[in-house]
Amino acid sequence: MGSEDTEVKQESISDQKRVELKEKLGDINKKLLTMEWDKKHNQLNAGMEPKYAELKEEHDKILKKINGEEVKES
């Protein structure tokens, strides 16, 4: 039983880490909103497409971490 408790504690993130992740997610959201507006209005520079995809992927990973889901590192 003791090892099961340890596994559960390792999977869940600390409150402080959760706050840090939420702050980072907020910063990413601001950037994504701007880029999504630009993309929707056909104004996103083609050179920014990879950065947009990277931010979107990072956003999804952080959201999964906050929600306690398993994140596959690539």
PDB file of N, CA and C in Angstrom:
ATOM      1  N   MET A   1       0.817  -1.203   0.000  1.00  0.00           N
ATOM      2  CA  MET A   1       0.000   0.000   0.000  1.00  0.00           C
ATOM      3  C   MET A   1       0.852   1.255   0.000  1.00  0.00           C
ATOM      4  N   GLY A   2       1.947   1.237   0.704  1.00  0.00           N
ATOM      5  CA  GLY A   2       2.792   2.411   0.800  1.00  0.00           C
ATOM      6  C   GLY A   2       3.309   2.875  -0.543  1.00  0.00           C
ATOM      7  N   SER A   3       3.662   1.921  -1.415  1.00  0.00           N
ATOM      8  CA  SER A   3       4.184   2.303  -2.727  1.00  0.00           C
ATOM      9  C   SER A   3       3.099   2.935  -3.598  1.00  0.00           C
ATOM     10  N   GLU A   4       1.846   2.515  -3.438  1.00  0.00           N
ATOM     11  CA  GLU A   4       0.749   3.113  -4.200  1.00  0.00           C
ATOM     12  C   GLU A   4       0.566   4.577  -3.815  1.00  0.00           C
ATOM     13  N   ASP A   5       0.653   4.874  -2.518  1.00  0.00           N
ATOM     14  CA  ASP A   5       0.529   6.253  -2.058  1.00  0.00           C
ATOM     15  C   ASP A   5       1.639   7.114  -2.648  1.00  0.00           C
ATOM     16  N   THR A   6       2.842   6.579  -2.686  1.00  0.00           N
ATOM     17  CA  THR A   6       3.978   7.309  -3.232  1.00  0.00           C
ATOM     18  C   THR A   6       3.760   7.600  -4.712  1.00  0.00           C
ATOM     19  N   GLU A   7       3.250   6.613  -5.456  1.00  0.00           N
ATOM     20  CA  GLU A   7       3.007   6.806  -6.883  1.00  0.00           C
ATOM     21  C   GLU A   7       1.993   7.915  -7.126  1.00  0.00           C
ATOM     22  N   VAL A   8       0.944   7.962  -6.328  1.00  0.00           N
ATOM     23  CA  VAL A   8      -0.085   8.987  -6.480  1.00  0.00           C
ATOM     24  C   VAL A   8       0.516  10.361  -6.226  1.00  0.00           C
ATOM     25  N   LYS A   9       1.342  10.486  -5.196  1.00  0.00           N
ATOM     26  CA  LYS A   9       1.955  11.772  -4.875  1.00  0.00           C
ATOM     27  C   LYS A   9       2.892  12.224  -5.983  1.00  0.00           C
ATOM     28  N   GLN A  10       3.600  11.287  -6.621  1.00  0.00           N
ATOM     29  CA  GLN A  10       4.519  11.647  -7.691  1.00  0.00           C
ATOM     30  C   GLN A  10       3.764  12.127  -8.923  1.00  0.00           C
ATOM     31  N   GLU A  11       2.581  11.569  -9.178  1.00  0.00           N
ATOM     32  CA  GLU A  11       1.808  11.942 -10.359  1.00  0.00           C
ATOM     33  C   GLU A  11       1.191  13.328 -10.228  1.00  0.00           C
ATOM     34  N   SER A  12       0.718  13.666  -9.032  1.00  0.00           N
ATOM     35  CA  SER A  12       0.090  14.970  -8.861  1.00  0.00           C
ATOM     36  C   SER A  12       1.163  16.034  -8.659  1.00  0.00           C
ATOM     37  N   ILE A  13       0.905  17.210  -9.191  1.00  0.00           N
ATOM     38  CA  ILE A  13       1.882  18.286  -9.076  1.00  0.00           C
ATOM     39  C   ILE A  13       1.544  19.156  -7.873  1.00  0.00           C
ATOM     40  N   SER A  14       2.554  19.821  -7.355  1.00  0.00           N
ATOM     41  CA  SER A  14       2.352  20.666  -6.184  1.00  0.00           C
ATOM     42  C   SER A  14       1.535  21.899  -6.558  1.00  0.00           C
ATOM     43  N   ASP A  15       0.943  22.510  -5.548  1.00  0.00           N
ATOM     44  CA  ASP A  15       0.145  23.719  -5.780  1.00  0.00           C
ATOM     45  C   ASP A  15       1.002  24.834  -6.373  1.00  0.00           C
ATOM     46  N   GLN A  16       2.236  24.947  -5.873  1.00  0.00           N
ATOM     47  CA  GLN A  16       3.127  25.995  -6.376  1.00  0.00           C
ATOM     48  C   GLN A  16       3.443  25.762  -7.857  1.00  0.00           C
ATOM     49  N   LYS A  17       3.717  24.517  -8.208  1.00  0.00           N
ATOM     50  CA  LYS A  17       4.018  24.181  -9.599  1.00  0.00           C
ATOM     51  C   LYS A  17       2.793  24.440 -10.476  1.00  0.00           C
ATOM     52  N   ARG A  18       1.608  24.135  -9.950  1.00  0.00           N
ATOM     53  CA  ARG A  18       0.368  24.359 -10.689  1.00  0.00           C
ATOM     54  C   ARG A  18       0.186  25.859 -10.972  1.00  0.00           C
ATOM     55  N   VAL A  19       0.481  26.696  -9.980  1.00  0.00           N
ATOM     56  CA  VAL A  19       0.365  28.151 -10.154  1.00  0.00           C
ATOM     57  C   VAL A  19       1.357  28.627 -11.216  1.00  0.00           C
ATOM     58  N   GLU A  20       2.591  28.105 -11.150  1.00  0.00           N
ATOM     59  CA  GLU A  20       3.603  28.485 -12.137  1.00  0.00           C
ATOM     60  C   GLU A  20       3.165  28.085 -13.545  1.00  0.00           C
ATOM     61  N   LEU A  21       2.605  26.875 -13.659  1.00  0.00           N
ATOM     62  CA  LEU A  21       2.143  26.407 -14.966  1.00  0.00           C
ATOM     63  C   LEU A  21       0.994  27.261 -15.484  1.00  0.00           C
ATOM     64  N   LYS A  22       0.093  27.671 -14.581  1.00  0.00           N
ATOM     65  CA  LYS A  22      -1.037  28.509 -14.995  1.00  0.00           C
ATOM     66  C   LYS A  22      -0.557  29.875 -15.468  1.00  0.00           C
ATOM     67  N   GLU A  23       0.470  30.417 -14.806  1.00  0.00           N
ATOM     68  CA  GLU A  23       1.028  31.704 -15.231  1.00  0.00           C
ATOM     69  C   GLU A  23       1.659  31.578 -16.619  1.00  0.00           C
ATOM     70  N   LYS A  24       2.409  30.496 -16.807  1.00  0.00           N
ATOM     71  CA  LYS A  24       3.042  30.265 -18.106  1.00  0.00           C
ATOM     72  C   LYS A  24       1.976  30.072 -19.184  1.00  0.00           C
ATOM     73  N   LEU A  25       0.914  29.349 -18.836  1.00  0.00           N
ATOM     74  CA  LEU A  25      -0.186  29.122 -19.771  1.00  0.00           C
ATOM     75  C   LEU A  25      -0.839  30.451 -20.163  1.00  0.00           C
ATOM     76  N   GLY A  26      -0.978  31.349 -19.205  1.00  0.00           N
ATOM     77  CA  GLY A  26      -1.547  32.669 -19.486  1.00  0.00           C
ATOM     78  C   GLY A  26      -0.695  33.453 -20.468  1.00  0.00           C
ATOM     79  N   ASP A  27       0.622  33.394 -20.283  1.00  0.00           N
ATOM     80  CA  ASP A  27       1.535  34.080 -21.202  1.00  0.00           C
ATOM     81  C   ASP A  27       1.433  33.500 -22.611  1.00  0.00           C
ATOM     82  N   ILE A  28       1.388  32.176 -22.680  1.00  0.00           N
ATOM     83  CA  ILE A  28       1.281  31.511 -23.981  1.00  0.00           C
ATOM     84  C   ILE A  28      -0.051  31.855 -24.639  1.00  0.00           C
ATOM     85  N   ASN A  29      -1.119  31.887 -23.840  1.00  0.00           N
ATOM     86  CA  ASN A  29      -2.444  32.217 -24.380  1.00  0.00           C
ATOM     87  C   ASN A  29      -2.460  33.594 -25.029  1.00  0.00           C
ATOM     88  N   LYS A  30      -1.797  34.566 -24.396  1.00  0.00           N
ATOM     89  CA  LYS A  30      -1.739  35.921 -24.958  1.00  0.00           C
ATOM     90  C   LYS A  30      -1.081  35.901 -26.337  1.00  0.00           C
ATOM     91  N   LYS A  31       0.040  35.186 -26.429  1.00  0.00           N
ATOM     92  CA  LYS A  31       0.752  35.107 -27.708  1.00  0.00           C
ATOM     93  C   LYS A  31      -0.095  34.381 -28.750  1.00  0.00           C
ATOM     94  N   LEU A  32      -0.720  33.275 -28.318  1.00  0.00           N
ATOM     95  CA  LEU A  32      -1.536  32.493 -29.248  1.00  0.00           C
ATOM     96  C   LEU A  32      -2.734  33.282 -29.763  1.00  0.00           C
ATOM     97  N   LEU A  33      -3.371  34.042 -28.886  1.00  0.00           N
ATOM     98  CA  LEU A  33      -4.528  34.833 -29.311  1.00  0.00           C
ATOM     99  C   LEU A  33      -4.154  35.814 -30.415  1.00  0.00           C
ATOM    100  N   THR A  34      -3.015  36.467 -30.243  1.00  0.00           N
ATOM    101  CA  THR A  34      -2.546  37.410 -31.258  1.00  0.00           C
ATOM    102  C   THR A  34      -2.255  36.687 -32.566  1.00  0.00           C
ATOM    103  N   MET A  35      -1.540  35.565 -32.451  1.00  0.00           N
ATOM    104  CA  MET A  35      -1.184  34.816 -33.656  1.00  0.00           C
ATOM    105  C   MET A  35      -2.425  34.237 -34.338  1.00  0.00           C
ATOM    106  N   GLU A  36      -3.387  33.788 -33.552  1.00  0.00           N
ATOM    107  CA  GLU A  36      -4.615  33.242 -34.131  1.00  0.00           C
ATOM    108  C   GLU A  36      -5.413  34.330 -34.850  1.00  0.00           C
ATOM    109  N   TRP A  37      -5.422  35.534 -34.273  1.00  0.00           N
ATOM    110  CA  TRP A  37      -6.101  36.649 -34.946  1.00  0.00           C
ATOM    111  C   TRP A  37      -5.411  36.931 -36.274  1.00  0.00           C
ATOM    112  N   ASP A  38      -4.075  37.003 -36.224  1.00  0.00           N
ATOM    113  CA  ASP A  38      -3.306  37.254 -37.446  1.00  0.00           C
ATOM    114  C   ASP A  38      -3.578  36.170 -38.493  1.00  0.00           C
ATOM    115  N   LYS A  39      -3.593  34.927 -38.042  1.00  0.00           N
ATOM    116  CA  LYS A  39      -3.819  33.812 -38.966  1.00  0.00           C
ATOM    117  C   LYS A  39      -5.223  33.883 -39.571  1.00  0.00           C
ATOM    118  N   LYS A  40      -6.209  34.179 -38.729  1.00  0.00           N
ATOM    119  CA  LYS A  40      -7.597  34.265 -39.191  1.00  0.00           C
ATOM    120  C   LYS A  40      -7.766  35.365 -40.237  1.00  0.00           C
ATOM    121  N   HIS A  41      -7.003  36.437 -40.083  1.00  0.00           N
ATOM    122  CA  HIS A  41      -7.102  37.576 -40.995  1.00  0.00           C
ATOM    123  C   HIS A  41      -6.005  37.556 -42.064  1.00  0.00           C
ATOM    124  N   ASN A  42      -5.420  36.386 -42.246  1.00  0.00           N
ATOM    125  CA  ASN A  42      -4.408  36.188 -43.290  1.00  0.00           C
ATOM    126  C   ASN A  42      -3.213  37.131 -43.132  1.00  0.00           C
ATOM    127  N   GLN A  43      -2.835  37.422 -41.897  1.00  0.00           N
ATOM    128  CA  GLN A  43      -1.735  38.344 -41.653  1.00  0.00           C
ATOM    129  C   GLN A  43      -0.574  37.704 -40.895  1.00  0.00           C
ATOM    130  N   LEU A  44      -0.652  36.395 -40.665  1.00  0.00           N
ATOM    131  CA  LEU A  44       0.430  35.709 -39.951  1.00  0.00           C
ATOM    132  C   LEU A  44       1.584  35.476 -40.918  1.00  0.00           C
ATOM    133  N   ASN A  45       2.733  35.996 -40.566  1.00  0.00           N
ATOM    134  CA  ASN A  45       3.930  35.819 -41.370  1.00  0.00           C
ATOM    135  C   ASN A  45       4.219  34.325 -41.507  1.00  0.00           C
ATOM    136  N   ALA A  46       4.532  33.884 -42.711  1.00  0.00           N
ATOM    137  CA  ALA A  46       4.806  32.462 -42.962  1.00  0.00           C
ATOM    138  C   ALA A  46       5.946  31.948 -42.089  1.00  0.00           C
ATOM    139  N   GLY A  47       6.886  32.811 -41.755  1.00  0.00           N
ATOM    140  CA  GLY A  47       7.998  32.423 -40.897  1.00  0.00           C
ATOM    141  C   GLY A  47       7.579  32.176 -39.460  1.00  0.00           C
ATOM    142  N   MET A  48       6.395  32.644 -39.091  1.00  0.00           N
ATOM    143  CA  MET A  48       5.893  32.464 -37.725  1.00  0.00           C
ATOM    144  C   MET A  48       5.060  31.192 -37.568  1.00  0.00           C
ATOM    145  N   GLU A  49       4.742  30.519 -38.664  1.00  0.00           N
ATOM    146  CA  GLU A  49       3.944  29.288 -38.598  1.00  0.00           C
ATOM    147  C   GLU A  49       4.566  28.242 -37.671  1.00  0.00           C
ATOM    148  N   PRO A  50       5.891  27.978 -37.777  1.00  0.00           N
ATOM    149  CA  PRO A  50       6.489  26.988 -36.868  1.00  0.00           C
ATOM    150  C   PRO A  50       6.395  27.418 -35.394  1.00  0.00           C
ATOM    151  N   LYS A  51       6.560  28.700 -35.134  1.00  0.00           N
ATOM    152  CA  LYS A  51       6.461  29.214 -33.764  1.00  0.00           C
ATOM    153  C   LYS A  51       5.033  29.052 -33.248  1.00  0.00           C
ATOM    154  N   TYR A  52       4.060  29.305 -34.109  1.00  0.00           N
ATOM    155  CA  TYR A  52       2.652  29.138 -33.752  1.00  0.00           C
ATOM    156  C   TYR A  52       2.377  27.682 -33.380  1.00  0.00           C
ATOM    157  N   ALA A  53       2.853  26.755 -34.205  1.00  0.00           N
ATOM    158  CA  ALA A  53       2.648  25.323 -33.947  1.00  0.00           C
ATOM    159  C   ALA A  53       3.337  24.905 -32.648  1.00  0.00           C
ATOM    160  N   GLU A  54       4.527  25.441 -32.410  1.00  0.00           N
ATOM    161  CA  GLU A  54       5.285  25.132 -31.194  1.00  0.00           C
ATOM    162  C   GLU A  54       4.544  25.634 -29.954  1.00  0.00           C
ATOM    163  N   LEU A  55       4.040  26.857 -30.009  1.00  0.00           N
ATOM    164  CA  LEU A  55       3.290  27.417 -28.885  1.00  0.00           C
ATOM    165  C   LEU A  55       2.010  26.629 -28.628  1.00  0.00           C
ATOM    166  N   LYS A  56       1.345  26.229 -29.691  1.00  0.00           N
ATOM    167  CA  LYS A  56       0.106  25.460 -29.564  1.00  0.00           C
ATOM    168  C   LYS A  56       0.385  24.124 -28.871  1.00  0.00           C
ATOM    169  N   GLU A  57       1.478  23.473 -29.259  1.00  0.00           N
ATOM    170  CA  GLU A  57       1.860  22.194 -28.659  1.00  0.00           C
ATOM    171  C   GLU A  57       2.227  22.377 -27.186  1.00  0.00           C
ATOM    172  N   GLU A  58       2.997  23.422 -26.890  1.00  0.00           N
ATOM    173  CA  GLU A  58       3.379  23.702 -25.506  1.00  0.00           C
ATOM    174  C   GLU A  58       2.136  24.003 -24.662  1.00  0.00           C
ATOM    175  N   HIS A  59       1.197  24.752 -25.221  1.00  0.00           N
ATOM    176  CA  HIS A  59      -0.063  25.073 -24.546  1.00  0.00           C
ATOM    177  C   HIS A  59      -0.791  23.790 -24.158  1.00  0.00           C
ATOM    178  N   ASP A  60      -0.900  22.861 -25.109  1.00  0.00           N
ATOM    179  CA  ASP A  60      -1.611  21.607 -24.859  1.00  0.00           C
ATOM    180  C   ASP A  60      -0.920  20.769 -23.783  1.00  0.00           C
ATOM    181  N   LYS A  61       0.419  20.727 -23.804  1.00  0.00           N
ATOM    182  CA  LYS A  61       1.173  19.962 -22.806  1.00  0.00           C
ATOM    183  C   LYS A  61       0.973  20.537 -21.408  1.00  0.00           C
ATOM    184  N   ILE A  62       1.057  21.856 -21.293  1.00  0.00           N
ATOM    185  CA  ILE A  62       0.893  22.498 -19.989  1.00  0.00           C
ATOM    186  C   ILE A  62      -0.515  22.274 -19.468  1.00  0.00           C
ATOM    187  N   LEU A  63      -1.496  22.381 -20.331  1.00  0.00           N
ATOM    188  CA  LEU A  63      -2.886  22.158 -19.938  1.00  0.00           C
ATOM    189  C   LEU A  63      -3.077  20.736 -19.414  1.00  0.00           C
ATOM    190  N   LYS A  64      -2.456  19.771 -20.066  1.00  0.00           N
ATOM    191  CA  LYS A  64      -2.541  18.380 -19.609  1.00  0.00           C
ATOM    192  C   LYS A  64      -1.881  18.220 -18.244  1.00  0.00           C
ATOM    193  N   LYS A  65      -0.730  18.863 -18.042  1.00  0.00           N
ATOM    194  CA  LYS A  65      -0.044  18.778 -16.751  1.00  0.00           C
ATOM    195  C   LYS A  65      -0.917  19.356 -15.644  1.00  0.00           C
ATOM    196  N   ILE A  66      -1.529  20.492 -15.910  1.00  0.00           N
ATOM    197  CA  ILE A  66      -2.388  21.136 -14.918  1.00  0.00           C
ATOM    198  C   ILE A  66      -3.566  20.231 -14.573  1.00  0.00           C
ATOM    199  N   ASN A  67      -4.105  19.556 -15.576  1.00  0.00           N
ATOM    200  CA  ASN A  67      -5.257  18.677 -15.369  1.00  0.00           C
ATOM    201  C   ASN A  67      -4.867  17.298 -14.857  1.00  0.00           C
ATOM    202  N   GLY A  68      -3.567  17.061 -14.670  1.00  0.00           N
ATOM    203  CA  GLY A  68      -3.103  15.795 -14.122  1.00  0.00           C
ATOM    204  C   GLY A  68      -3.055  14.660 -15.120  1.00  0.00           C
ATOM    205  N   GLU A  69      -3.095  14.990 -16.396  1.00  0.00           N
ATOM    206  CA  GLU A  69      -3.024  13.961 -17.431  1.00  0.00           C
ATOM    207  C   GLU A  69      -1.566  13.652 -17.746  1.00  0.00           C
ATOM    208  N   GLU A  70      -1.338  12.446 -18.263  1.00  0.00           N
ATOM    209  CA  GLU A  70       0.009  12.035 -18.632  1.00  0.00           C
ATOM    210  C   GLU A  70       0.439  12.788 -19.882  1.00  0.00           C
ATOM    211  N   VAL A  71       1.671  13.291 -19.852  1.00  0.00           N
ATOM    212  CA  VAL A  71       2.201  14.050 -20.982  1.00  0.00           C
ATOM    213  C   VAL A  71       3.363  13.272 -21.571  1.00  0.00           C
ATOM    214  N   LYS A  72       3.293  13.018 -22.874  1.00  0.00           N
ATOM    215  CA  LYS A  72       4.376  12.323 -23.565  1.00  0.00           C
ATOM    216  C   LYS A  72       5.393  13.350 -24.017  1.00  0.00           C
ATOM    217  N   GLU A  73       6.640  13.168 -23.582  1.00  0.00           N
ATOM    218  CA  GLU A  73       7.716  14.077 -23.983  1.00  0.00           C
ATOM    219  C   GLU A  73       8.261  13.615 -25.322  1.00  0.00           C
ATOM    220  N   SER A  74       8.421  14.549 -26.248  1.00  0.00           N
ATOM    221  CA  SER A  74       8.943  14.173 -27.573  1.00  0.00           C
ATOM    222  C   SER A  74      10.380  14.592 -27.726  1.00  0.00           C
TER     223      SER A  74
END
